[in-house]
PDB file of N, CA and C in Angstrom:
ATOM      1  N   MET A   1       0.846  -1.189   0.000  1.00  0.00           N
ATOM      2  CA  MET A   1       0.000   0.000   0.000  1.00  0.00           C
ATOM      3  C   MET A   1       0.889   1.249   0.000  1.00  0.00           C
ATOM      4  N   PRO A   2       0.554   2.253  -0.816  1.00  0.00           N
ATOM      5  CA  PRO A   2       1.416   3.434  -0.874  1.00  0.00           C
ATOM      6  C   PRO A   2       1.262   4.319   0.359  1.00  0.00           C
ATOM      7  N   LYS A   3       2.243   5.184   0.524  1.00  0.00           N
ATOM      8  CA  LYS A   3       2.198   6.123   1.645  1.00  0.00           C
ATOM      9  C   LYS A   3       1.097   7.143   1.424  1.00  0.00           C
ATOM     10  N   LEU A   4       0.534   7.639   2.508  1.00  0.00           N
ATOM     11  CA  LEU A   4      -0.477   8.689   2.431  1.00  0.00           C
ATOM     12  C   LEU A   4       0.192  10.042   2.537  1.00  0.00           C
ATOM     13  N   LYS A   5      -0.307  11.000   1.776  1.00  0.00           N
ATOM     14  CA  LYS A   5       0.276  12.338   1.813  1.00  0.00           C
ATOM     15  C   LYS A   5      -0.366  13.165   2.913  1.00  0.00           C
ATOM     16  N   THR A   6       0.457  13.923   3.620  1.00  0.00           N
ATOM     17  CA  THR A   6      -0.018  14.832   4.648  1.00  0.00           C
ATOM     18  C   THR A   6      -0.356  16.160   4.003  1.00  0.00           C
ATOM     19  N   ASN A   7      -1.489  16.731   4.355  1.00  0.00           N
ATOM     20  CA  ASN A   7      -1.850  18.057   3.876  1.00  0.00           C
ATOM     21  C   ASN A   7      -1.006  19.082   4.626  1.00  0.00           C
ATOM     22  N   LYS A   8      -0.148  19.796   3.911  1.00  0.00           N
ATOM     23  CA  LYS A   8       0.824  20.688   4.546  1.00  0.00           C
ATOM     24  C   LYS A   8       0.162  21.895   5.190  1.00  0.00           C
ATOM     25  N   ALA A   9      -0.916  22.402   4.609  1.00  0.00           N
ATOM     26  CA  ALA A   9      -1.616  23.543   5.208  1.00  0.00           C
ATOM     27  C   ALA A   9      -2.224  23.150   6.546  1.00  0.00           C
ATOM     28  N   ALA A  10      -2.780  21.948   6.611  1.00  0.00           N
ATOM     29  CA  ALA A  10      -3.379  21.464   7.866  1.00  0.00           C
ATOM     30  C   ALA A  10      -2.313  21.182   8.907  1.00  0.00           C
ATOM     31  N   SER A  11      -1.143  20.704   8.480  1.00  0.00           N
ATOM     32  CA  SER A  11      -0.095  20.389   9.448  1.00  0.00           C
ATOM     33  C   SER A  11       0.470  21.644  10.104  1.00  0.00           C
ATOM     34  N   LYS A  12       0.367  22.787   9.426  1.00  0.00           N
ATOM     35  CA  LYS A  12       0.839  24.044  10.005  1.00  0.00           C
ATOM     36  C   LYS A  12      -0.201  24.657  10.949  1.00  0.00           C
ATOM     37  N   ARG A  13      -1.470  24.286  10.773  1.00  0.00           N
ATOM     38  CA  ARG A  13      -2.542  24.894  11.563  1.00  0.00           C
ATOM     39  C   ARG A  13      -2.955  24.077  12.784  1.00  0.00           C
ATOM     40  N   TYR A  14      -2.785  22.772  12.733  1.00  0.00           N
ATOM     41  CA  TYR A  14      -3.290  21.902  13.782  1.00  0.00           C
ATOM     42  C   TYR A  14      -2.176  21.067  14.388  1.00  0.00           C
ATOM     43  N   LYS A  15      -2.312  20.787  15.677  1.00  0.00           N
ATOM     44  CA  LYS A  15      -1.407  19.885  16.393  1.00  0.00           C
ATOM     45  C   LYS A  15      -2.276  18.909  17.186  1.00  0.00           C
ATOM     46  N   PHE A  16      -1.665  17.801  17.610  1.00  0.00           N
ATOM     47  CA  PHE A  16      -2.400  16.811  18.393  1.00  0.00           C
ATOM     48  C   PHE A  16      -1.935  16.827  19.839  1.00  0.00           C
ATOM     49  N   THR A  17      -2.878  16.617  20.750  1.00  0.00           N
ATOM     50  CA  THR A  17      -2.548  16.495  22.157  1.00  0.00           C
ATOM     51  C   THR A  17      -2.137  15.055  22.434  1.00  0.00           C
ATOM     52  N   ALA A  18      -1.749  14.784  23.672  1.00  0.00           N
ATOM     53  CA  ALA A  18      -1.334  13.437  24.052  1.00  0.00           C
ATOM     54  C   ALA A  18      -2.499  12.444  23.990  1.00  0.00           C
ATOM     55  N   LYS A  19      -3.712  12.928  24.208  1.00  0.00           N
ATOM     56  CA  LYS A  19      -4.892  12.056  24.159  1.00  0.00           C
ATOM     57  C   LYS A  19      -5.570  12.087  22.796  1.00  0.00           C
ATOM     58  N   ASP A  20      -4.828  12.522  21.763  1.00  0.00           N
ATOM     59  CA  ASP A  20      -5.269  12.491  20.369  1.00  0.00           C
ATOM     60  C   ASP A  20      -6.426  13.444  20.066  1.00  0.00           C
ATOM     61  N   LYS A  21      -6.514  14.544  20.824  1.00  0.00           N
ATOM     62  CA  LYS A  21      -7.449  15.603  20.470  1.00  0.00           C
ATOM     63  C   LYS A  21      -6.712  16.581  19.565  1.00  0.00           C
ATOM     64  N   VAL A  22      -7.471  17.402  18.844  1.00  0.00           N
ATOM     65  CA  VAL A  22      -6.867  18.329  17.887  1.00  0.00           C
ATOM     66  C   VAL A  22      -6.829  19.729  18.490  1.00  0.00           C
ATOM     67  N   LYS A  23      -5.619  20.305  18.539  1.00  0.00           N
ATOM     68  CA  LYS A  23      -5.452  21.673  19.029  1.00  0.00           C
ATOM     69  C   LYS A  23      -5.411  22.619  17.838  1.00  0.00           C
ATOM     70  N   ARG A  24      -5.890  23.846  18.056  1.00  0.00           N
ATOM     71  CA  ARG A  24      -5.810  24.875  17.030  1.00  0.00           C
ATOM     72  C   ARG A  24      -5.631  26.222  17.703  1.00  0.00           C
ATOM     73  N   THR A  25      -5.148  27.204  16.947  1.00  0.00           N
ATOM     74  CA  THR A  25      -5.029  28.553  17.504  1.00  0.00           C
ATOM     75  C   THR A  25      -6.308  29.312  17.210  1.00  0.00           C
ATOM     76  N   LYS A  26      -6.700  30.152  18.132  1.00  0.00           N
ATOM     77  CA  LYS A  26      -7.919  30.928  17.959  1.00  0.00           C
ATOM     78  C   LYS A  26      -7.701  32.110  17.033  1.00  0.00           C
ATOM     79  N   ALA A  27      -8.762  32.568  16.423  1.00  0.00           N
ATOM     80  CA  ALA A  27      -8.688  33.666  15.459  1.00  0.00           C
ATOM     81  C   ALA A  27      -8.789  35.023  16.175  1.00  0.00           C
ATOM     82  N   ASN A  28      -8.600  36.077  15.431  1.00  0.00           N
ATOM     83  CA  ASN A  28      -8.799  37.472  15.856  1.00  0.00           C
ATOM     84  C   ASN A  28      -7.748  37.982  16.833  1.00  0.00           C
ATOM     85  N   ARG A  29      -6.522  37.477  16.763  1.00  0.00           N
ATOM     86  CA  ARG A  29      -5.474  37.992  17.637  1.00  0.00           C
ATOM     87  C   ARG A  29      -4.209  38.373  16.872  1.00  0.00           C
ATOM     88  N   ARG A  30      -4.307  38.626  15.590  1.00  0.00           N
ATOM     89  CA  ARG A  30      -3.123  38.868  14.783  1.00  0.00           C
ATOM     90  C   ARG A  30      -2.881  40.352  14.492  1.00  0.00           C
ATOM     91  N   HIS A  31      -3.882  41.039  14.005  1.00  0.00           N
ATOM     92  CA  HIS A  31      -3.667  42.427  13.589  1.00  0.00           C
ATOM     93  C   HIS A  31      -4.952  43.225  13.793  1.00  0.00           C
ATOM     94  N   ARG A  32      -4.832  44.550  13.650  1.00  0.00           N
ATOM     95  CA  ARG A  32      -5.948  45.495  13.837  1.00  0.00           C
ATOM     96  C   ARG A  32      -6.576  45.349  15.223  1.00  0.00           C
ATOM     97  N   LEU A  33      -5.752  45.264  16.236  1.00  0.00           N
ATOM     98  CA  LEU A  33      -6.247  45.078  17.594  1.00  0.00           C
ATOM     99  C   LEU A  33      -6.759  46.380  18.202  1.00  0.00           C
ATOM    100  N   ALA A  34      -6.375  47.512  17.636  1.00  0.00           N
ATOM    101  CA  ALA A  34      -6.819  48.804  18.183  1.00  0.00           C
ATOM    102  C   ALA A  34      -8.313  49.016  17.976  1.00  0.00           C
ATOM    103  N   THR A  35      -8.876  48.432  16.916  1.00  0.00           N
ATOM    104  CA  THR A  35     -10.296  48.634  16.626  1.00  0.00           C
ATOM    105  C   THR A  35     -11.180  47.632  17.359  1.00  0.00           C
ATOM    106  N   LYS A  36     -10.591  46.579  17.910  1.00  0.00           N
ATOM    107  CA  LYS A  36     -11.386  45.558  18.579  1.00  0.00           C
ATOM    108  C   LYS A  36     -11.601  45.930  20.045  1.00  0.00           C
ATOM    109  N   THR A  37     -12.721  45.484  20.580  1.00  0.00           N
ATOM    110  CA  THR A  37     -13.045  45.817  21.963  1.00  0.00           C
ATOM    111  C   THR A  37     -12.182  44.998  22.915  1.00  0.00           C
ATOM    112  N   LYS A  38     -12.154  45.459  24.148  1.00  0.00           N
ATOM    113  CA  LYS A  38     -11.379  44.771  25.177  1.00  0.00           C
ATOM    114  C   LYS A  38     -11.914  43.359  25.410  1.00  0.00           C
ATOM    115  N   ARG A  39     -13.224  43.217  25.373  1.00  0.00           N
ATOM    116  CA  ARG A  39     -13.866  41.923  25.598  1.00  0.00           C
ATOM    117  C   ARG A  39     -13.493  40.937  24.483  1.00  0.00           C
ATOM    118  N   THR A  40     -13.459  41.407  23.239  1.00  0.00           N
ATOM    119  CA  THR A  40     -13.103  40.541  22.113  1.00  0.00           C
ATOM    120  C   THR A  40     -11.681  40.037  22.250  1.00  0.00           C
ATOM    121  N   LYS A  41     -10.782  40.939  22.625  1.00  0.00           N
ATOM    122  CA  LYS A  41      -9.386  40.552  22.774  1.00  0.00           C
ATOM    123  C   LYS A  41      -9.191  39.626  23.971  1.00  0.00           C
ATOM    124  N   LEU A  42      -9.990  39.813  25.005  1.00  0.00           N
ATOM    125  CA  LEU A  42      -9.887  38.998  26.208  1.00  0.00           C
ATOM    126  C   LEU A  42     -10.335  37.562  25.942  1.00  0.00           C
ATOM    127  N   THR A  43     -11.432  37.401  25.206  1.00  0.00           N
ATOM    128  CA  THR A  43     -11.936  36.056  24.936  1.00  0.00           C
ATOM    129  C   THR A  43     -11.062  35.314  23.933  1.00  0.00           C
ATOM    130  N   ALA A  44     -10.351  36.057  23.099  1.00  0.00           N
ATOM    131  CA  ALA A  44      -9.468  35.426  22.120  1.00  0.00           C
ATOM    132  C   ALA A  44      -8.058  35.255  22.659  1.00  0.00           C
ATOM    133  N   ARG A  45      -7.842  35.514  23.923  1.00  0.00           N
ATOM    134  CA  ARG A  45      -6.498  35.465  24.492  1.00  0.00           C
ATOM    135  C   ARG A  45      -5.947  34.047  24.573  1.00  0.00           C
ATOM    136  N   VAL A  46      -6.794  33.103  24.855  1.00  0.00           N
ATOM    137  CA  VAL A  46      -6.338  31.714  24.936  1.00  0.00           C
ATOM    138  C   VAL A  46      -5.942  31.283  23.531  1.00  0.00           C
ATOM    139  N   GLN A  47      -4.671  30.994  23.331  1.00  0.00           N
ATOM    140  CA  GLN A  47      -4.175  30.724  21.991  1.00  0.00           C
ATOM    141  C   GLN A  47      -4.493  29.312  21.521  1.00  0.00           C
ATOM    142  N   ASN A  48      -4.422  28.338  22.393  1.00  0.00           N
ATOM    143  CA  ASN A  48      -4.623  26.963  21.951  1.00  0.00           C
ATOM    144  C   ASN A  48      -5.976  26.448  22.419  1.00  0.00           C
ATOM    145  N   GLY A  49      -6.931  26.430  21.492  1.00  0.00           N
ATOM    146  CA  GLY A  49      -8.228  25.861  21.786  1.00  0.00           C
ATOM    147  C   GLY A  49      -8.306  24.458  21.216  1.00  0.00           C
ATOM    148  N   ILE A  50      -9.234  23.686  21.709  1.00  0.00           N
ATOM    149  CA  ILE A  50      -9.448  22.343  21.187  1.00  0.00           C
ATOM    150  C   ILE A  50     -10.442  22.453  20.040  1.00  0.00           C
ATOM    151  N   ALA A  51     -10.138  21.798  18.934  1.00  0.00           N
ATOM    152  CA  ALA A  51     -11.011  21.856  17.762  1.00  0.00           C
ATOM    153  C   ALA A  51     -12.328  21.130  18.050  1.00  0.00           C
ATOM    154  N   ASP A  52     -13.359  21.511  17.330  1.00  0.00           N
ATOM    155  CA  ASP A  52     -14.685  20.954  17.502  1.00  0.00           C
ATOM    156  C   ASP A  52     -14.711  19.487  17.078  1.00  0.00           C
ATOM    157  N   LYS A  53     -15.549  18.701  17.726  1.00  0.00           N
ATOM    158  CA  LYS A  53     -15.645  17.267  17.429  1.00  0.00           C
ATOM    159  C   LYS A  53     -16.107  17.021  15.993  1.00  0.00           C
ATOM    160  N   SER A  54     -16.954  17.906  15.451  1.00  0.00           N
ATOM    161  CA  SER A  54     -17.454  17.720  14.091  1.00  0.00           C
ATOM    162  C   SER A  54     -16.353  17.883  13.050  1.00  0.00           C
ATOM    163  N   CYS A  55     -15.335  18.679  13.344  1.00  0.00           N
ATOM    164  CA  CYS A  55     -14.220  18.900  12.415  1.00  0.00           C
ATOM    165  C   CYS A  55     -13.095  17.897  12.615  1.00  0.00           C
ATOM    166  N   GLU A  56     -13.090  17.217  13.728  1.00  0.00           N
ATOM    167  CA  GLU A  56     -11.954  16.374  14.102  1.00  0.00           C
ATOM    168  C   GLU A  56     -11.730  15.226  13.115  1.00  0.00           C
ATOM    169  N   LYS A  57     -12.794  14.627  12.619  1.00  0.00           N
ATOM    170  CA  LYS A  57     -12.665  13.508  11.689  1.00  0.00           C
ATOM    171  C   LYS A  57     -12.024  13.960  10.383  1.00  0.00           C
ATOM    172  N   THR A  58     -12.407  15.139   9.900  1.00  0.00           N
ATOM    173  CA  THR A  58     -11.842  15.684   8.666  1.00  0.00           C
ATOM    174  C   THR A  58     -10.370  16.017   8.839  1.00  0.00           C
ATOM    175  N   ILE A  59     -10.022  16.605   9.971  1.00  0.00           N
ATOM    176  CA  ILE A  59      -8.629  16.994  10.237  1.00  0.00           C
ATOM    177  C   ILE A  59      -7.749  15.748  10.331  1.00  0.00           C
ATOM    178  N   LYS A  60      -8.256  14.695  10.930  1.00  0.00           N
ATOM    179  CA  LYS A  60      -7.470  13.465  11.056  1.00  0.00           C
ATOM    180  C   LYS A  60      -7.258  12.783   9.703  1.00  0.00           C
ATOM    181  N   LYS A  61      -8.162  13.003   8.748  1.00  0.00           N
ATOM    182  CA  LYS A  61      -7.937  12.503   7.399  1.00  0.00           C
ATOM    183  C   LYS A  61      -6.837  13.285   6.693  1.00  0.00           C
ATOM    184  N   LEU A  62      -6.775  14.587   6.974  1.00  0.00           N
ATOM    185  CA  LEU A  62      -5.750  15.422   6.357  1.00  0.00           C
ATOM    186  C   LEU A  62      -4.370  15.148   6.935  1.00  0.00           C
ATOM    187  N   LEU A  63      -4.334  14.682   8.193  1.00  0.00           N
ATOM    188  CA  LEU A  63      -3.069  14.401   8.877  1.00  0.00           C
ATOM    189  C   LEU A  63      -3.017  12.921   9.246  1.00  0.00           C
ATOM    190  N   PRO A  64      -2.727  12.048   8.292  1.00  0.00           N
ATOM    191  CA  PRO A  64      -2.821  10.610   8.565  1.00  0.00           C
ATOM    192  C   PRO A  64      -1.782  10.092   9.541  1.00  0.00           C
ATOM    193  N   TYR A  65      -0.661  10.781   9.699  1.00  0.00           N
ATOM    194  CA  TYR A  65       0.395  10.301  10.588  1.00  0.00           C
ATOM    195  C   TYR A  65       0.453  11.084  11.895  1.00  0.00           C
ATOM    196  N   GLY A  66      -0.591  11.786  12.221  1.00  0.00           N
ATOM    197  CA  GLY A  66      -0.677  12.449  13.510  1.00  0.00           C
ATOM    198  C   GLY A  66       0.235  13.661  13.666  1.00  0.00           C
ATOM    199  N   ASN A  67       0.580  14.317  12.560  1.00  0.00           N
ATOM    200  CA  ASN A  67       1.331  15.574  12.602  1.00  0.00           C
ATOM    201  C   ASN A  67       2.679  15.409  13.289  1.00  0.00           C
ATOM    202  N   LYS A  68       3.466  14.464  12.843  1.00  0.00           N
ATOM    203  CA  LYS A  68       4.775  14.194  13.444  1.00  0.00           C
ATOM    204  C   LYS A  68       5.874  14.869  12.673  1.00  0.00           C
TER     205      LYS A  68
END
């Protein structure tokens, strides 16, 4: 059986935890922070969120070797 290709865009965006959950970085913390409210910046402060269960199956198909 041939090797499976890893999706490079997905490998840069997602990482796996020790219990095989998918980590991702939250949005809205990169630029134009002066126009955003304090509350928006506060809720987006946590950088590593756990990806949603509905997306997890798709992400695991894109990363067949667990992002190593």
